[in-house]
Amino acid sequence: MADIDDFATSERPEWLRALARRAAASSEAAPGGERPHRAPRVRTLIRAVIGTEGRAAEDVIVRNVSPGGMCIASRTLQPSTGEMLRVSLPGQADLQAQVRWVGKGEFGVLLTGSGGLDVDRIQATNRQRNAGFAAALEKLLGVRPQGPRAPAGA
């Protein structure tokens, strides 16, 4: 039987090699194969501007946020893992972030500066922005959109 390294590097589709690497990393990450704690994500669609040294600023979409990072979607910007970025969100101070992973059309960043992200404010803004849509759904279809979810373990 081939070991995990042979499986991860053999002639297989990239997604399958990535899955094998992720499985190997998660089993090494914590004793007993437990995954380390991960902060809950808040889904959103926020326009942001990403700036880097030596590149023009680009518009992107923030897909989800946590207190320490975010997932960002872009059709044109493909940063490198480890690259430092400046993220400008509406109503918040510019944030410094390090690219932690890069996928097709999206990447994840870890916030490195002080202060972090005001996730409660982002959730409130999302609710306010979507209130008209929620009211229209209820009026037209007689359904209420799902309310905010309680944190896991609450």
Protein backbone atom coordinates (compact mmCIF):
# COMPACT_ATOMS: atom_id res chain seq x y z
CA MET A 1 0.00 0.00 0.00
CA ALA A 2 1.37 3.44 -0.97
CA ASP A 3 1.87 5.92 1.81
CA ILE A 4 0.23 9.37 1.86
CA ASP A 5 3.25 11.14 0.30
CA ASP A 6 3.16 8.86 -2.75
CA PHE A 7 -0.58 9.41 -3.06
CA ALA A 8 -0.26 13.21 -2.81
CA THR A 9 2.41 13.48 -5.48
CA SER A 10 1.39 10.82 -7.99
CA GLU A 11 -0.40 11.54 -11.29
CA ARG A 12 -3.76 12.64 -9.92
CA PRO A 13 -5.88 15.73 -10.51
CA GLU A 14 -4.72 18.81 -8.59
CA TRP A 15 -7.87 18.85 -6.42
CA LEU A 16 -7.19 15.28 -5.30
CA ARG A 17 -3.54 16.05 -4.47
CA ALA A 18 -4.68 19.13 -2.49
CA LEU A 19 -7.20 17.02 -0.59
CA ALA A 20 -4.52 14.47 0.30
CA ARG A 21 -2.16 17.24 1.50
CA ARG A 22 -4.95 18.80 3.58
CA ALA A 23 -5.81 15.44 5.16
CA ALA A 24 -2.15 14.83 6.02
CA ALA A 25 -1.76 18.32 7.49
CA SER A 26 -4.91 18.09 9.61
CA SER A 27 -3.87 14.74 11.10
CA GLU A 28 -0.50 16.26 12.06
CA ALA A 29 -2.00 19.54 13.31
CA ALA A 30 -3.33 18.25 16.61
CA PRO A 31 -2.97 15.13 18.74
CA GLY A 32 -5.51 12.43 17.91
CA GLY A 33 -6.30 14.00 14.52
CA GLU A 34 -8.46 16.71 16.10
CA ARG A 35 -8.70 19.94 14.14
CA PRO A 36 -7.52 23.10 15.87
CA HIS A 37 -10.22 25.58 16.91
CA ARG A 38 -11.42 27.73 14.03
CA ALA A 39 -13.33 30.96 14.61
CA PRO A 40 -16.84 31.02 13.14
CA ARG A 41 -17.20 32.65 9.72
CA VAL A 42 -19.80 35.27 8.85
CA ARG A 43 -20.95 35.08 5.24
CA THR A 44 -21.11 38.39 3.46
CA LEU A 45 -20.64 40.08 0.11
CA ILE A 46 -18.75 43.30 0.72
CA ARG A 47 -16.85 45.33 -1.85
CA ALA A 48 -13.31 46.01 -0.69
CA VAL A 49 -10.15 47.44 -2.20
CA ILE A 50 -6.87 45.52 -2.01
CA GLY A 51 -3.59 47.36 -2.27
CA THR A 52 -0.07 45.97 -2.46
CA GLU A 53 3.42 47.34 -2.92
CA GLY A 54 4.13 47.91 -6.59
CA ARG A 55 0.57 47.13 -7.80
CA ALA A 56 -2.45 49.30 -8.45
CA ALA A 57 -5.31 48.91 -5.98
CA GLU A 58 -8.04 46.49 -7.13
CA ASP A 59 -11.70 46.00 -6.26
CA VAL A 60 -12.54 42.61 -4.74
CA ILE A 61 -15.46 40.94 -2.96
CA VAL A 62 -15.14 39.74 0.65
CA ARG A 63 -17.08 36.44 0.85
CA ASN A 64 -16.76 35.73 4.57
CA VAL A 65 -15.08 37.18 7.63
CA SER A 66 -13.93 36.10 11.05
CA PRO A 67 -12.27 38.23 13.75
CA GLY A 68 -8.84 37.25 12.44
CA GLY A 69 -9.25 36.94 8.68
CA MET A 70 -11.38 36.78 5.58
CA CYS A 71 -12.00 34.98 2.32
CA ILE A 72 -11.70 37.27 -0.69
CA ALA A 73 -12.88 36.64 -4.26
CA SER A 74 -11.30 38.26 -7.31
CA ARG A 75 -11.29 37.48 -11.01
CA THR A 76 -8.01 39.29 -11.61
CA LEU A 77 -5.97 39.50 -8.40
CA GLN A 78 -4.01 36.32 -7.67
CA PRO A 79 -1.59 37.07 -4.83
CA SER A 80 1.07 34.67 -3.64
CA THR A 81 0.91 32.80 -0.35
CA GLY A 82 2.73 34.87 2.27
CA GLU A 83 2.26 38.17 0.39
CA MET A 84 1.31 41.19 2.50
CA LEU A 85 -1.77 43.19 1.49
CA ARG A 86 -3.68 46.28 2.60
CA VAL A 87 -7.45 45.70 2.75
CA SER A 88 -9.80 48.70 2.71
CA LEU A 89 -13.37 47.95 3.82
CA PRO A 90 -16.16 50.54 3.93
CA GLY A 91 -16.54 52.06 7.40
CA GLN A 92 -13.42 50.41 8.81
CA ALA A 93 -9.77 51.39 9.11
CA ASP A 94 -7.40 49.88 6.55
CA LEU A 95 -6.26 46.42 7.60
CA GLN A 96 -2.91 44.71 7.08
CA ALA A 97 -3.21 41.08 6.02
CA GLN A 98 -1.05 38.15 4.98
CA VAL A 99 -2.22 35.76 2.26
CA ARG A 100 -2.54 32.28 3.82
CA TRP A 101 -3.97 30.28 0.91
CA VAL A 102 -4.82 30.84 -2.75
CA GLY A 103 -7.49 29.00 -4.74
CA LYS A 104 -9.12 29.49 -8.12
CA GLY A 105 -10.63 32.97 -8.03
CA GLU A 106 -10.30 33.38 -4.26
CA PHE A 107 -7.79 33.58 -1.45
CA GLY A 108 -7.73 33.71 2.33
CA VAL A 109 -5.96 36.29 4.45
CA LEU A 110 -4.91 36.44 8.09
CA LEU A 111 -5.14 39.91 9.63
CA THR A 112 -1.76 40.88 11.02
CA GLY A 113 -2.22 44.42 12.34
CA SER A 114 -3.69 45.47 15.65
CA GLY A 115 -7.39 46.07 16.07
CA GLY A 116 -8.79 43.28 13.93
CA LEU A 117 -12.16 43.22 12.26
CA ASP A 118 -15.43 44.39 13.82
CA VAL A 119 -17.50 41.30 12.89
CA ASP A 120 -20.54 42.48 14.89
CA ARG A 121 -20.62 45.70 12.87
CA ILE A 122 -20.36 43.75 9.62
CA GLN A 123 -23.26 41.50 10.69
CA ALA A 124 -25.39 44.52 11.58
CA THR A 125 -24.61 46.14 8.23
CA ASN A 126 -25.54 42.90 6.43
CA ARG A 127 -28.88 42.73 8.26
CA GLN A 128 -29.61 46.37 7.46
CA ARG A 129 -28.63 45.94 3.79
CA ASN A 130 -30.78 42.80 3.43
CA ALA A 131 -33.82 44.06 5.36
CA GLY A 132 -35.64 45.22 2.21
CA PHE A 133 -35.03 41.91 0.49
CA ALA A 134 -36.25 39.99 3.55
CA ALA A 135 -39.42 42.10 3.75
CA ALA A 136 -40.13 41.54 0.04
CA LEU A 137 -39.71 37.76 0.45
CA GLU A 138 -42.10 37.72 3.37
CA LYS A 139 -44.69 39.85 1.54
CA LEU A 140 -44.50 38.01 -1.80
CA LEU A 141 -43.96 34.44 -0.64
CA GLY A 142 -45.09 34.43 2.96
CA VAL A 143 -41.71 33.18 4.17
CA ARG A 144 -39.36 34.72 6.64
CA PRO A 145 -35.65 34.39 5.94
CA GLN A 146 -33.69 32.55 8.57
CA GLY A 147 -32.58 34.78 11.43
CA PRO A 148 -29.05 34.98 12.80
CA ARG A 149 -27.66 31.62 13.85
CA ALA A 150 -26.69 30.96 17.43
CA PRO A 151 -22.99 30.21 17.90
CA ALA A 152 -22.10 26.52 18.08
CA GLY A 153 -22.22 25.19 21.61
CA ALA A 154 -24.52 27.95 22.85
